[in-house]
C-alpha cells in the first residue's frame, strides 16, 4: 500500500471514529459533512478490510513447543526439634522406629 493510500485510509478511519463519537446516525453525519452515505459505507468497508489485513499480517503463526514438566513435589511439613544445640528434622515419611530411637538418644543426652 503506497503512502498516499495509507494516509487516506487513516483519515477515513478518523472520520468513522468521529461519526461514532458524534452520536449521529451515519446519514446525519454524512449530510453535515457533505459525504454521500454510499461513499461513507464504501470507506467503512475499506477501513475494515485494511484493519483485518493488518491484523492478520501481525498475527504470528501459532507454534507449540514440547515442555518437559517435572511433577511437583508438594511442600510437606515435617517435624523439627532443636535442643541442646542440636537440630533434628523428621520428614512425614520417616520410619516410626527411627523417630523413637532418635528421641530416646536425645532424652538420654539431655540427662
N, C-alpha and C. Protein backbone atom coordinates (compact mmCIF):
# COMPACT_ATOMS: atom_id res chain seq x y z
N UNK A 1 0.87 -1.16 0.00
CA UNK A 1 0.00 0.00 0.00
C UNK A 1 0.92 1.22 0.00
N UNK A 2 0.67 2.13 -0.97
CA UNK A 2 1.54 3.31 -1.01
C UNK A 2 1.17 4.31 0.08
N UNK A 3 2.07 5.26 0.27
CA UNK A 3 1.94 6.19 1.40
C UNK A 3 0.67 7.04 1.30
N UNK A 4 0.30 7.46 0.11
CA UNK A 4 -0.89 8.31 -0.07
C UNK A 4 -2.17 7.55 0.30
N UNK A 5 -2.26 6.29 -0.13
CA UNK A 5 -3.43 5.47 0.18
C UNK A 5 -3.50 5.23 1.69
N UNK A 6 -2.34 5.00 2.30
CA UNK A 6 -2.29 4.78 3.74
C UNK A 6 -2.81 6.00 4.50
N UNK A 7 -2.39 7.18 4.08
CA UNK A 7 -2.84 8.43 4.70
C UNK A 7 -4.35 8.58 4.52
N UNK A 8 -4.82 8.26 3.32
CA UNK A 8 -6.26 8.36 3.03
C UNK A 8 -7.06 7.42 3.94
N UNK A 9 -6.58 6.20 4.11
CA UNK A 9 -7.29 5.23 4.95
C UNK A 9 -7.27 5.66 6.42
N UNK A 10 -6.18 6.29 6.84
CA UNK A 10 -6.12 6.80 8.20
C UNK A 10 -7.14 7.92 8.41
N UNK A 11 -7.29 8.78 7.41
CA UNK A 11 -8.28 9.86 7.50
C UNK A 11 -9.69 9.27 7.55
N UNK A 12 -9.95 8.28 6.72
CA UNK A 12 -11.26 7.64 6.72
C UNK A 12 -11.54 7.00 8.09
N UNK A 13 -10.52 6.37 8.68
CA UNK A 13 -10.69 5.75 9.99
C UNK A 13 -11.03 6.83 11.04
N UNK A 14 -10.38 8.00 10.93
CA UNK A 14 -10.70 9.10 11.86
C UNK A 14 -12.13 9.58 11.64
N UNK A 15 -12.56 9.63 10.37
CA UNK A 15 -13.95 10.04 10.07
C UNK A 15 -14.95 9.05 10.68
N UNK A 16 -14.64 7.75 10.56
CA UNK A 16 -15.54 6.73 11.13
C UNK A 16 -15.61 6.89 12.64
N UNK A 17 -14.47 7.13 13.25
CA UNK A 17 -14.44 7.32 14.70
C UNK A 17 -15.21 8.58 15.09
N UNK A 18 -15.03 9.63 14.32
CA UNK A 18 -15.74 10.89 14.58
C UNK A 18 -17.25 10.69 14.50
N UNK A 19 -17.69 9.95 13.50
CA UNK A 19 -19.13 9.69 13.34
C UNK A 19 -19.66 8.91 14.54
N UNK A 20 -18.93 7.88 14.95
CA UNK A 20 -19.39 7.06 16.09
C UNK A 20 -19.46 7.89 17.37
N UNK A 21 -18.47 8.73 17.58
CA UNK A 21 -18.43 9.54 18.80
C UNK A 21 -19.47 10.67 18.79
N UNK A 22 -19.88 11.07 17.59
CA UNK A 22 -20.80 12.21 17.49
C UNK A 22 -22.20 11.87 18.01
N UNK A 23 -22.55 10.59 17.99
CA UNK A 23 -23.89 10.19 18.41
C UNK A 23 -24.90 10.34 17.28
N UNK A 24 -24.46 10.84 16.15
CA UNK A 24 -25.33 10.99 14.98
C UNK A 24 -25.40 9.68 14.22
N UNK A 25 -26.48 9.51 13.48
CA UNK A 25 -26.54 8.35 12.59
C UNK A 25 -25.56 8.60 11.46
N UNK A 26 -25.26 7.54 10.73
CA UNK A 26 -24.34 7.70 9.60
C UNK A 26 -24.91 8.69 8.58
N UNK A 27 -26.20 8.60 8.33
CA UNK A 27 -26.83 9.51 7.36
C UNK A 27 -26.73 10.96 7.82
N UNK A 28 -27.04 11.22 9.09
CA UNK A 28 -26.96 12.60 9.61
C UNK A 28 -25.53 13.13 9.53
N UNK A 29 -24.57 12.31 9.93
CA UNK A 29 -23.17 12.72 9.92
C UNK A 29 -22.72 13.02 8.49
N UNK A 30 -23.11 12.15 7.56
CA UNK A 30 -22.74 12.34 6.15
C UNK A 30 -23.35 13.62 5.59
N UNK A 31 -24.62 13.89 5.91
CA UNK A 31 -25.28 15.10 5.42
C UNK A 31 -24.55 16.35 5.92
N UNK A 32 -24.19 16.36 7.21
CA UNK A 32 -23.50 17.51 7.80
C UNK A 32 -22.13 17.71 7.16
N UNK A 33 -21.44 16.60 6.84
CA UNK A 33 -20.08 16.68 6.30
C UNK A 33 -20.03 16.62 4.77
N UNK A 34 -21.19 16.60 4.13
CA UNK A 34 -21.24 16.64 2.67
C UNK A 34 -20.70 15.40 1.99
N UNK A 35 -20.93 14.26 2.60
CA UNK A 35 -20.45 12.99 2.03
C UNK A 35 -21.66 12.12 1.73
N UNK A 36 -21.64 11.49 0.59
CA UNK A 36 -22.71 10.56 0.24
C UNK A 36 -22.67 9.37 1.20
N UNK A 37 -23.85 8.87 1.60
CA UNK A 37 -23.92 7.72 2.50
C UNK A 37 -23.26 6.51 1.85
N UNK A 38 -23.35 6.40 0.52
CA UNK A 38 -22.75 5.26 -0.19
C UNK A 38 -21.22 5.36 -0.13
N UNK A 39 -20.69 6.57 -0.24
CA UNK A 39 -19.25 6.79 -0.13
C UNK A 39 -18.79 6.43 1.28
N UNK A 40 -19.56 6.85 2.28
CA UNK A 40 -19.22 6.57 3.67
C UNK A 40 -19.20 5.06 3.93
N UNK A 41 -20.22 4.35 3.42
CA UNK A 41 -20.27 2.90 3.60
C UNK A 41 -19.11 2.21 2.90
N UNK A 42 -18.74 2.72 1.71
CA UNK A 42 -17.59 2.19 0.98
C UNK A 42 -16.32 2.37 1.83
N UNK A 43 -16.15 3.57 2.39
CA UNK A 43 -14.98 3.84 3.22
C UNK A 43 -14.95 2.94 4.46
N UNK A 44 -16.12 2.70 5.04
CA UNK A 44 -16.21 1.79 6.20
C UNK A 44 -15.70 0.41 5.81
N UNK A 45 -16.15 -0.06 4.66
CA UNK A 45 -15.76 -1.38 4.18
C UNK A 45 -14.23 -1.45 3.96
N UNK A 46 -13.68 -0.42 3.31
CA UNK A 46 -12.25 -0.39 3.01
C UNK A 46 -11.43 -0.34 4.30
N UNK A 47 -11.83 0.50 5.24
CA UNK A 47 -11.10 0.61 6.51
C UNK A 47 -11.15 -0.72 7.26
N UNK A 48 -12.32 -1.36 7.28
CA UNK A 48 -12.46 -2.65 7.96
C UNK A 48 -11.54 -3.70 7.30
N UNK A 49 -11.53 -3.74 5.97
CA UNK A 49 -10.68 -4.70 5.26
C UNK A 49 -9.19 -4.43 5.53
N UNK A 50 -8.83 -3.14 5.53
CA UNK A 50 -7.45 -2.76 5.79
C UNK A 50 -7.03 -3.21 7.19
N UNK A 51 -7.91 -2.97 8.17
CA UNK A 51 -7.60 -3.38 9.54
C UNK A 51 -7.49 -4.89 9.66
N UNK A 52 -8.37 -5.61 9.01
CA UNK A 52 -8.32 -7.07 9.04
C UNK A 52 -7.01 -7.57 8.43
N UNK A 53 -6.59 -6.95 7.33
CA UNK A 53 -5.33 -7.34 6.69
C UNK A 53 -4.14 -7.06 7.59
N UNK A 54 -4.15 -5.89 8.24
CA UNK A 54 -3.05 -5.54 9.14
C UNK A 54 -2.98 -6.51 10.31
N UNK A 55 -4.14 -6.86 10.87
CA UNK A 55 -4.17 -7.78 12.00
C UNK A 55 -3.70 -9.17 11.60
N UNK A 56 -4.10 -9.63 10.43
CA UNK A 56 -3.68 -10.98 10.01
C UNK A 56 -2.19 -11.01 9.70
N UNK A 57 -1.62 -9.89 9.23
CA UNK A 57 -0.18 -9.83 8.98
C UNK A 57 0.61 -9.84 10.28
N UNK A 58 0.07 -9.21 11.31
CA UNK A 58 0.78 -9.09 12.58
C UNK A 58 0.62 -10.31 13.47
N UNK A 59 -0.35 -11.16 13.16
CA UNK A 59 -0.57 -12.34 14.00
C UNK A 59 0.48 -13.39 13.65
N UNK A 60 1.33 -13.72 14.62
CA UNK A 60 2.31 -14.76 14.34
C UNK A 60 1.61 -16.11 14.26
N UNK A 61 2.18 -16.99 13.47
CA UNK A 61 1.58 -18.30 13.39
C UNK A 61 1.77 -19.01 14.73
N UNK A 62 0.82 -19.80 15.07
CA UNK A 62 0.86 -20.49 16.35
C UNK A 62 1.81 -21.67 16.24
N UNK A 63 2.70 -21.75 17.20
CA UNK A 63 3.63 -22.88 17.24
C UNK A 63 3.58 -23.46 18.65
N UNK A 64 3.62 -24.76 18.73
CA UNK A 64 3.60 -25.43 20.01
C UNK A 64 5.00 -25.95 20.31
N UNK A 65 5.36 -25.86 21.55
CA UNK A 65 6.65 -26.37 21.99
C UNK A 65 6.41 -27.42 23.06
N UNK A 66 7.19 -28.49 22.99
CA UNK A 66 7.05 -29.53 23.99
C UNK A 66 7.83 -29.10 25.23
N UNK A 67 7.19 -29.20 26.35
CA UNK A 67 7.83 -28.84 27.61
C UNK A 67 8.04 -30.09 28.45
N UNK A 68 9.20 -30.17 29.06
CA UNK A 68 9.47 -31.28 29.97
C UNK A 68 9.04 -30.82 31.34
N UNK A 69 7.88 -31.29 31.76
CA UNK A 69 7.31 -30.86 33.03
C UNK A 69 7.60 -31.92 34.08
N UNK A 70 8.26 -31.50 35.12
CA UNK A 70 8.53 -32.40 36.24
C UNK A 70 7.35 -32.33 37.20
N UNK A 71 6.92 -33.48 37.69
CA UNK A 71 5.82 -33.43 38.66
C UNK A 71 6.27 -32.66 39.89
N UNK A 72 5.42 -31.82 40.34
CA UNK A 72 5.79 -31.01 41.50
C UNK A 72 5.68 -31.85 42.77
N UNK A 73 6.64 -31.65 43.62
CA UNK A 73 6.63 -32.34 44.91
C UNK A 73 5.97 -31.39 45.89
N UNK A 74 4.87 -31.81 46.45
CA UNK A 74 4.19 -30.90 47.38
C UNK A 74 5.09 -30.58 48.57
N UNK A 75 5.06 -29.36 48.97
CA UNK A 75 5.82 -28.92 50.14
C UNK A 75 5.13 -29.49 51.37
N UNK A 76 5.79 -30.45 51.99
CA UNK A 76 5.19 -31.06 53.17
C UNK A 76 5.97 -30.62 54.40
N UNK A 77 5.26 -30.46 55.43
CA UNK A 77 5.94 -30.06 56.66
C UNK A 77 6.26 -31.30 57.46
N UNK A 78 7.45 -31.29 58.00
CA UNK A 78 7.86 -32.38 58.86
C UNK A 78 7.91 -31.86 60.29
N UNK A 79 8.73 -32.49 61.08
CA UNK A 79 8.90 -32.07 62.47
C UNK A 79 10.37 -31.71 62.65
N UNK A 80 10.61 -30.55 63.22
CA UNK A 80 11.98 -30.14 63.53
C UNK A 80 12.08 -29.92 65.04
N UNK A 81 13.08 -30.58 65.61
CA UNK A 81 13.32 -30.44 67.06
C UNK A 81 14.70 -29.83 67.22
N UNK A 82 14.75 -28.77 67.99
CA UNK A 82 16.03 -28.13 68.28
C UNK A 82 16.21 -28.11 69.80
N UNK A 83 17.27 -28.74 70.22
CA UNK A 83 17.55 -28.77 71.65
C UNK A 83 19.04 -29.02 71.85
N UNK A 84 19.57 -28.42 72.88
CA UNK A 84 20.97 -28.63 73.26
C UNK A 84 21.93 -28.35 72.09
N UNK A 85 21.56 -27.36 71.26
CA UNK A 85 22.42 -27.01 70.12
C UNK A 85 22.36 -28.01 68.99
N UNK A 86 21.41 -28.92 69.06
CA UNK A 86 21.26 -29.94 68.01
C UNK A 86 19.91 -29.73 67.34
N UNK A 87 19.91 -29.89 66.03
CA UNK A 87 18.66 -29.76 65.27
C UNK A 87 18.40 -31.08 64.56
N UNK A 88 17.23 -31.63 64.80
CA UNK A 88 16.84 -32.89 64.16
C UNK A 88 15.53 -32.64 63.42
N UNK A 89 15.50 -33.10 62.19
CA UNK A 89 14.30 -32.90 61.38
C UNK A 89 13.78 -34.25 60.90
N UNK A 90 12.49 -34.46 61.10
CA UNK A 90 11.84 -35.69 60.66
C UNK A 90 10.88 -35.35 59.53
N UNK A 91 10.97 -36.09 58.47
CA UNK A 91 10.06 -35.89 57.35
C UNK A 91 8.83 -36.78 57.53
N UNK A 92 7.73 -36.43 56.87
CA UNK A 92 6.49 -37.19 57.07
C UNK A 92 6.62 -38.68 56.77
N UNK A 93 7.53 -39.07 55.92
CA UNK A 93 7.64 -40.49 55.58
C UNK A 93 8.70 -41.21 56.44
N UNK A 94 9.15 -40.56 57.52
CA UNK A 94 10.16 -41.17 58.39
C UNK A 94 9.58 -42.38 59.12
N UNK A 95 10.43 -43.37 59.31
CA UNK A 95 10.04 -44.60 60.00
C UNK A 95 9.84 -44.31 61.49
N UNK A 96 8.76 -44.81 62.06
CA UNK A 96 8.43 -44.56 63.47
C UNK A 96 9.52 -45.09 64.41
N UNK A 97 10.09 -46.23 64.08
CA UNK A 97 11.15 -46.80 64.93
C UNK A 97 12.38 -45.89 64.94
N UNK A 98 12.69 -45.30 63.79
CA UNK A 98 13.84 -44.40 63.74
C UNK A 98 13.57 -43.16 64.59
N UNK A 99 12.36 -42.63 64.50
CA UNK A 99 12.00 -41.45 65.29
C UNK A 99 12.11 -41.78 66.78
N UNK A 100 11.62 -42.96 67.16
CA UNK A 100 11.66 -43.38 68.57
C UNK A 100 13.11 -43.48 69.05
N UNK A 101 13.96 -44.07 68.24
CA UNK A 101 15.37 -44.23 68.61
C UNK A 101 16.05 -42.87 68.78
N UNK A 102 15.80 -41.96 67.83
CA UNK A 102 16.41 -40.63 67.91
C UNK A 102 15.91 -39.90 69.14
N UNK A 103 14.64 -40.02 69.46
CA UNK A 103 14.07 -39.35 70.63
C UNK A 103 14.69 -39.91 71.92
N UNK A 104 14.87 -41.21 71.97
CA UNK A 104 15.49 -41.83 73.16
C UNK A 104 16.93 -41.33 73.34
N UNK A 105 17.66 -41.23 72.23
CA UNK A 105 19.04 -40.74 72.30
C UNK A 105 19.06 -39.30 72.79
N UNK A 106 18.13 -38.48 72.26
CA UNK A 106 18.08 -37.08 72.69
C UNK A 106 17.73 -36.96 74.17
N UNK A 107 16.78 -37.78 74.62
CA UNK A 107 16.39 -37.75 76.03
C UNK A 107 17.55 -38.18 76.92
N UNK A 108 18.26 -39.19 76.49
CA UNK A 108 19.40 -39.67 77.26
C UNK A 108 20.52 -38.62 77.31
N UNK A 109 20.71 -37.91 76.19
CA UNK A 109 21.75 -36.87 76.12
C UNK A 109 21.39 -35.69 77.00
N UNK A 110 20.11 -35.44 77.20
CA UNK A 110 19.67 -34.30 77.99
C UNK A 110 19.86 -34.56 79.49
N UNK A 111 20.04 -35.80 79.91
CA UNK A 111 20.16 -36.14 81.33
C UNK A 111 21.54 -35.88 81.84
